């Protein structure tokens, strides 16, 4: 199981890299000022950071309880990303519509676009993060005894 400091590093690095990617891409894709997309992005990233910590802690505890470990298969990673984004989408929809002064339908389309981007991004980021910062118990017994 990851320690609190590791989870904080994970959440903050995920959101900072994601924000650096999504702000210019969102402004370009939706034809809106980068500042407006940036405000939505920062508010979304702040909420997502809190959700990321809570969600991943809960998901890992559930995995630990159900499977005895936290190592994720590709299918589990897909489920993990989809469930994370659905929860975040529901939380962000009203804020996006209100702040940008757009209809709920327009906000839904924007939010779904952001969610699709972040689902792919979350899958890639989390896979890379697990490779860069693996937990010791993920190593095969022969490798663990050599280190």
Protein backbone atom coordinates (compact mmCIF):
# COMPACT_ATOMS: atom_id res chain seq x y z
CA UNK A 1 0.00 0.00 0.00
CA UNK A 2 1.32 3.48 -0.83
CA UNK A 3 2.23 5.86 1.99
CA UNK A 4 0.61 9.28 2.43
CA UNK A 5 3.62 11.22 1.06
CA UNK A 6 3.66 9.03 -2.05
CA UNK A 7 -0.08 9.57 -2.57
CA UNK A 8 0.38 13.34 -2.24
CA UNK A 9 3.26 13.32 -4.75
CA UNK A 10 1.10 11.25 -7.10
CA UNK A 11 -1.94 13.52 -6.84
CA UNK A 12 -0.04 16.79 -7.23
CA UNK A 13 2.13 15.64 -10.12
CA UNK A 14 -0.91 14.17 -11.87
CA UNK A 15 -2.83 17.44 -11.65
CA UNK A 16 0.05 19.76 -12.55
CA UNK A 17 1.00 17.81 -15.67
CA UNK A 18 -2.66 17.37 -16.63
CA UNK A 19 -3.35 21.10 -16.23
CA UNK A 20 -0.32 22.01 -18.34
CA UNK A 21 -1.71 19.80 -21.12
CA UNK A 22 -5.45 20.43 -20.91
CA UNK A 23 -5.49 24.25 -20.65
CA UNK A 24 -4.04 25.07 -24.08
CA UNK A 25 -5.73 22.06 -25.69
CA UNK A 26 -9.12 22.99 -24.19
CA UNK A 27 -8.81 26.64 -25.24
CA UNK A 28 -7.98 25.54 -28.77
CA UNK A 29 -10.68 22.86 -28.97
CA UNK A 30 -13.51 25.01 -27.57
CA UNK A 31 -12.48 28.37 -29.01
CA UNK A 32 -12.49 30.00 -25.58
CA UNK A 33 -9.92 32.22 -23.93
CA UNK A 34 -7.11 30.27 -22.30
CA UNK A 35 -7.72 32.25 -19.07
CA UNK A 36 -11.31 30.98 -18.84
CA UNK A 37 -10.27 27.39 -19.54
CA UNK A 38 -7.43 27.90 -17.07
CA UNK A 39 -9.81 28.96 -14.29
CA UNK A 40 -12.06 25.97 -15.01
CA UNK A 41 -8.93 23.82 -15.15
CA UNK A 42 -7.54 25.07 -11.83
CA UNK A 43 -10.89 24.69 -10.07
CA UNK A 44 -11.29 21.25 -11.63
CA UNK A 45 -7.73 20.29 -10.72
CA UNK A 46 -8.24 21.39 -7.13
CA UNK A 47 -11.41 19.32 -6.81
CA UNK A 48 -9.81 16.47 -8.73
CA UNK A 49 -6.75 16.48 -6.45
CA UNK A 50 -8.93 16.00 -3.41
CA UNK A 51 -11.03 13.39 -5.23
CA UNK A 52 -7.86 11.67 -6.49
CA UNK A 53 -6.52 11.16 -2.98
CA UNK A 54 -9.82 9.97 -1.52
CA UNK A 55 -10.73 7.81 -4.52
CA UNK A 56 -7.34 6.10 -4.84
CA UNK A 57 -7.12 5.44 -1.12
CA UNK A 58 -10.59 3.87 -1.15
CA UNK A 59 -9.92 1.93 -4.37
CA UNK A 60 -6.66 0.51 -3.00
CA UNK A 61 -8.30 -0.48 0.29
CA UNK A 62 -11.08 -2.21 -1.65
CA UNK A 63 -8.53 -4.00 -3.87
CA UNK A 64 -6.52 -5.02 -0.81
CA UNK A 65 -9.64 -6.44 0.80
CA UNK A 66 -10.93 -8.22 -2.34
CA UNK A 67 -7.67 -9.47 -3.87
CA UNK A 68 -5.05 -9.25 -1.13
CA UNK A 69 -2.92 -6.74 -3.07
CA UNK A 70 -2.92 -3.47 -4.98
CA UNK A 71 -1.23 -4.42 -8.24
CA UNK A 72 -3.63 -3.57 -11.07
CA UNK A 73 -4.28 -5.47 -14.30
CA UNK A 74 -5.09 -3.59 -17.51
CA UNK A 75 -8.81 -4.29 -17.01
CA UNK A 76 -8.65 -3.01 -13.42
CA UNK A 77 -6.82 0.12 -14.61
CA UNK A 78 -9.55 0.79 -17.18
CA UNK A 79 -12.28 0.34 -14.55
CA UNK A 80 -10.30 2.53 -12.13
CA UNK A 81 -10.00 5.37 -14.67
CA UNK A 82 -13.65 5.22 -15.80
CA UNK A 83 -15.03 5.23 -12.25
CA UNK A 84 -12.76 8.11 -11.26
CA UNK A 85 -13.88 10.24 -14.21
CA UNK A 86 -17.60 9.55 -13.76
CA UNK A 87 -17.42 10.77 -10.15
CA UNK A 88 -15.47 13.85 -11.15
CA UNK A 89 -17.77 14.61 -14.10
CA UNK A 90 -20.80 14.71 -11.82
CA UNK A 91 -19.05 17.09 -9.44
CA UNK A 92 -17.72 19.48 -12.12
CA UNK A 93 -20.73 19.82 -14.44
CA UNK A 94 -22.61 22.55 -12.53
CA UNK A 95 -19.44 24.59 -11.95
CA UNK A 96 -18.47 24.56 -15.63
CA UNK A 97 -21.94 25.65 -16.79
CA UNK A 98 -22.11 28.43 -14.22
CA UNK A 99 -18.60 29.85 -14.63
CA UNK A 100 -18.54 29.82 -18.43
CA UNK A 101 -22.17 30.94 -18.73
CA UNK A 102 -23.05 28.03 -21.00
CA UNK A 103 -25.95 25.61 -21.02
CA UNK A 104 -25.81 22.39 -19.04
CA UNK A 105 -25.77 20.48 -22.35
CA UNK A 106 -22.76 22.50 -23.57
CA UNK A 107 -21.07 22.03 -20.21
CA UNK A 108 -21.77 18.30 -20.41
CA UNK A 109 -20.14 18.09 -23.83
CA UNK A 110 -17.13 20.04 -22.56
CA UNK A 111 -16.95 17.99 -19.37
CA UNK A 112 -17.20 14.72 -21.32
CA UNK A 113 -14.38 15.91 -23.58
CA UNK A 114 -12.23 16.72 -20.56
CA UNK A 115 -13.18 13.37 -18.98
CA UNK A 116 -12.18 11.45 -22.13
CA UNK A 117 -8.85 13.28 -22.22
CA UNK A 118 -8.26 12.61 -18.53
CA UNK A 119 -9.25 8.95 -18.78
CA UNK A 120 -6.54 8.34 -21.34
CA UNK A 121 -4.15 10.59 -19.46
CA UNK A 122 -4.92 8.85 -16.12
CA UNK A 123 -4.30 5.44 -17.63
CA UNK A 124 -0.93 6.50 -19.10
CA UNK A 125 0.13 8.59 -16.09
CA UNK A 126 -0.72 5.92 -13.51
CA UNK A 127 0.99 3.20 -15.50
CA UNK A 128 4.11 5.35 -15.84
CA UNK A 129 3.96 6.38 -12.17
CA UNK A 130 3.81 2.74 -11.09
CA UNK A 131 6.87 1.99 -13.24
CA UNK A 132 8.85 4.97 -11.92
CA UNK A 133 7.76 4.48 -8.29
CA UNK A 134 6.97 0.74 -7.89
CA UNK A 135 6.11 -0.68 -4.51
CA UNK A 136 8.70 -3.15 -3.16
CA UNK A 137 6.15 -5.98 -2.90
CA UNK A 138 5.46 -5.77 -6.65
CA UNK A 139 8.92 -7.13 -7.49
CA UNK A 140 9.25 -10.86 -8.07
CA UNK A 141 10.79 -12.71 -5.11
CA UNK A 142 14.09 -13.20 -6.95
CA UNK A 143 14.48 -9.47 -7.65
CA UNK A 144 13.44 -8.48 -4.14
CA UNK A 145 16.06 -10.75 -2.60
CA UNK A 146 18.78 -9.26 -4.84
CA UNK A 147 18.11 -5.67 -3.74
